[in-house]
Structures are given as C-alpha cells and as structure tokens.
Amino acid sequence: MRITITERHCTIPSRVTTRTETVVGGLTKYEDRATAAEVVFSDEKHTKKAEIIVHIDG
C-alpha cells in the first residue's frame, strides 16, 4: 500500500512518521483491497488533528 504523509502548519518527528507508516500499513490485515492511504497531520490554533483517508480498489 502506498502511504503519503503530509504536515500542515506543524512538524512531525521521524519516530511518529515511522509509527504511522507501520500502523497504517497494518490496515491491509483488515482490508486487503486497500491500495493507498493519505495521512494529514495538522495544527490549527488550539486543535491538533490526524486525518487518515484510505483508498480501496473496487
């Protein structure tokens, strides 16, 4: 699965990036048709968010 990680208005440590790739890559255990995932980390005023979009073939 192709995993794209984006940082918006923040900087993510490499250990978080590595862990994200491991966890998101493990989603294929539950859905084998998953072809790609987009992970967006953002920091807006007082809100920190992580958004994951998984693309499934079919």
C-alpha atoms as a PDB file:
ATOM      1  CA  MET A   1       0.000   0.000   0.000  1.00  0.00           C
ATOM      2  CA  ARG A   2       1.262   3.474  -0.883  1.00  0.00           C
ATOM      3  CA  ILE A   3       1.255   5.784   2.153  1.00  0.00           C
ATOM      4  CA  THR A   4       1.519   9.570   1.819  1.00  0.00           C
ATOM      5  CA  ILE A   5       2.142  11.655   4.943  1.00  0.00           C
ATOM      6  CA  THR A   6       1.536  15.424   4.893  1.00  0.00           C
ATOM      7  CA  GLU A   7       2.274  18.002   7.602  1.00  0.00           C
ATOM      8  CA  ARG A   8       0.188  21.196   7.649  1.00  0.00           C
ATOM      9  CA  HIS A   9       1.415  24.038   9.865  1.00  0.00           C
ATOM     10  CA  CYS A  10       3.393  21.605  12.034  1.00  0.00           C
ATOM     11  CA  THR A  11       6.471  19.410  12.108  1.00  0.00           C
ATOM     12  CA  ILE A  12       6.128  15.721  12.944  1.00  0.00           C
ATOM     13  CA  PRO A  13       9.094  13.840  14.487  1.00  0.00           C
ATOM     14  CA  SER A  14      10.528  10.975  12.444  1.00  0.00           C
ATOM     15  CA  ARG A  15       9.517   8.434  15.106  1.00  0.00           C
ATOM     16  CA  VAL A  16       5.858   9.454  14.670  1.00  0.00           C
ATOM     17  CA  THR A  17       6.194   9.177  10.890  1.00  0.00           C
ATOM     18  CA  THR A  18       7.702   5.696  11.209  1.00  0.00           C
ATOM     19  CA  ARG A  19       4.987   4.572  13.639  1.00  0.00           C
ATOM     20  CA  THR A  20       2.287   5.988  11.364  1.00  0.00           C
ATOM     21  CA  GLU A  21       3.621   4.010   8.395  1.00  0.00           C
ATOM     22  CA  THR A  22       3.654   0.823  10.496  1.00  0.00           C
ATOM     23  CA  VAL A  23       0.131   1.234  11.857  1.00  0.00           C
ATOM     24  CA  VAL A  24      -1.489   2.408   8.618  1.00  0.00           C
ATOM     25  CA  GLY A  25       0.343  -0.284   6.644  1.00  0.00           C
ATOM     26  CA  GLY A  26      -1.161  -2.856   9.011  1.00  0.00           C
ATOM     27  CA  LEU A  27      -4.670  -1.910   7.882  1.00  0.00           C
ATOM     28  CA  THR A  28      -4.269  -4.318   4.961  1.00  0.00           C
ATOM     29  CA  LYS A  29      -4.763  -7.067   7.534  1.00  0.00           C
ATOM     30  CA  TYR A  30      -8.418  -5.971   7.754  1.00  0.00           C
ATOM     31  CA  GLU A  31      -8.973  -4.815   4.161  1.00  0.00           C
ATOM     32  CA  ASP A  32      -6.784  -6.447   1.521  1.00  0.00           C
ATOM     33  CA  ARG A  33      -8.148  -4.228  -1.280  1.00  0.00           C
ATOM     34  CA  ALA A  34      -6.615  -1.077   0.249  1.00  0.00           C
ATOM     35  CA  THR A  35      -4.285   0.436  -2.347  1.00  0.00           C
ATOM     36  CA  ALA A  36      -3.253   3.770  -0.824  1.00  0.00           C
ATOM     37  CA  ALA A  37      -3.559   5.881   2.300  1.00  0.00           C
ATOM     38  CA  GLU A  38      -3.191   9.607   2.862  1.00  0.00           C
ATOM     39  CA  VAL A  39      -2.318  10.794   6.373  1.00  0.00           C
ATOM     40  CA  VAL A  40      -2.545  14.512   7.154  1.00  0.00           C
ATOM     41  CA  PHE A  41      -1.241  15.946  10.425  1.00  0.00           C
ATOM     42  CA  SER A  42      -2.413  19.499  11.081  1.00  0.00           C
ATOM     43  CA  ASP A  43      -2.134  22.121  13.801  1.00  0.00           C
ATOM     44  CA  GLU A  44      -4.743  24.892  13.702  1.00  0.00           C
ATOM     45  CA  LYS A  45      -4.796  27.295  16.664  1.00  0.00           C
ATOM     46  CA  HIS A  46      -5.660  25.046  19.630  1.00  0.00           C
ATOM     47  CA  THR A  47      -6.588  21.940  17.637  1.00  0.00           C
ATOM     48  CA  LYS A  48      -4.212  19.191  16.570  1.00  0.00           C
ATOM     49  CA  LYS A  49      -5.604  16.642  14.117  1.00  0.00           C
ATOM     50  CA  ALA A  50      -4.563  13.491  12.306  1.00  0.00           C
ATOM     51  CA  GLU A  51      -6.738  12.600   9.321  1.00  0.00           C
ATOM     52  CA  ILE A  52      -6.422   9.252   7.527  1.00  0.00           C
ATOM     53  CA  ILE A  53      -8.015   8.597   4.138  1.00  0.00           C
ATOM     54  CA  VAL A  54      -7.782   5.019   2.844  1.00  0.00           C
ATOM     55  CA  HIS A  55      -8.344   4.297  -0.850  1.00  0.00           C
ATOM     56  CA  ILE A  56      -9.877   0.898  -1.598  1.00  0.00           C
ATOM     57  CA  ASP A  57      -9.870  -0.755  -5.009  1.00  0.00           C
ATOM     58  CA  GLY A  58     -13.200  -1.930  -6.316  1.00  0.00           C
END
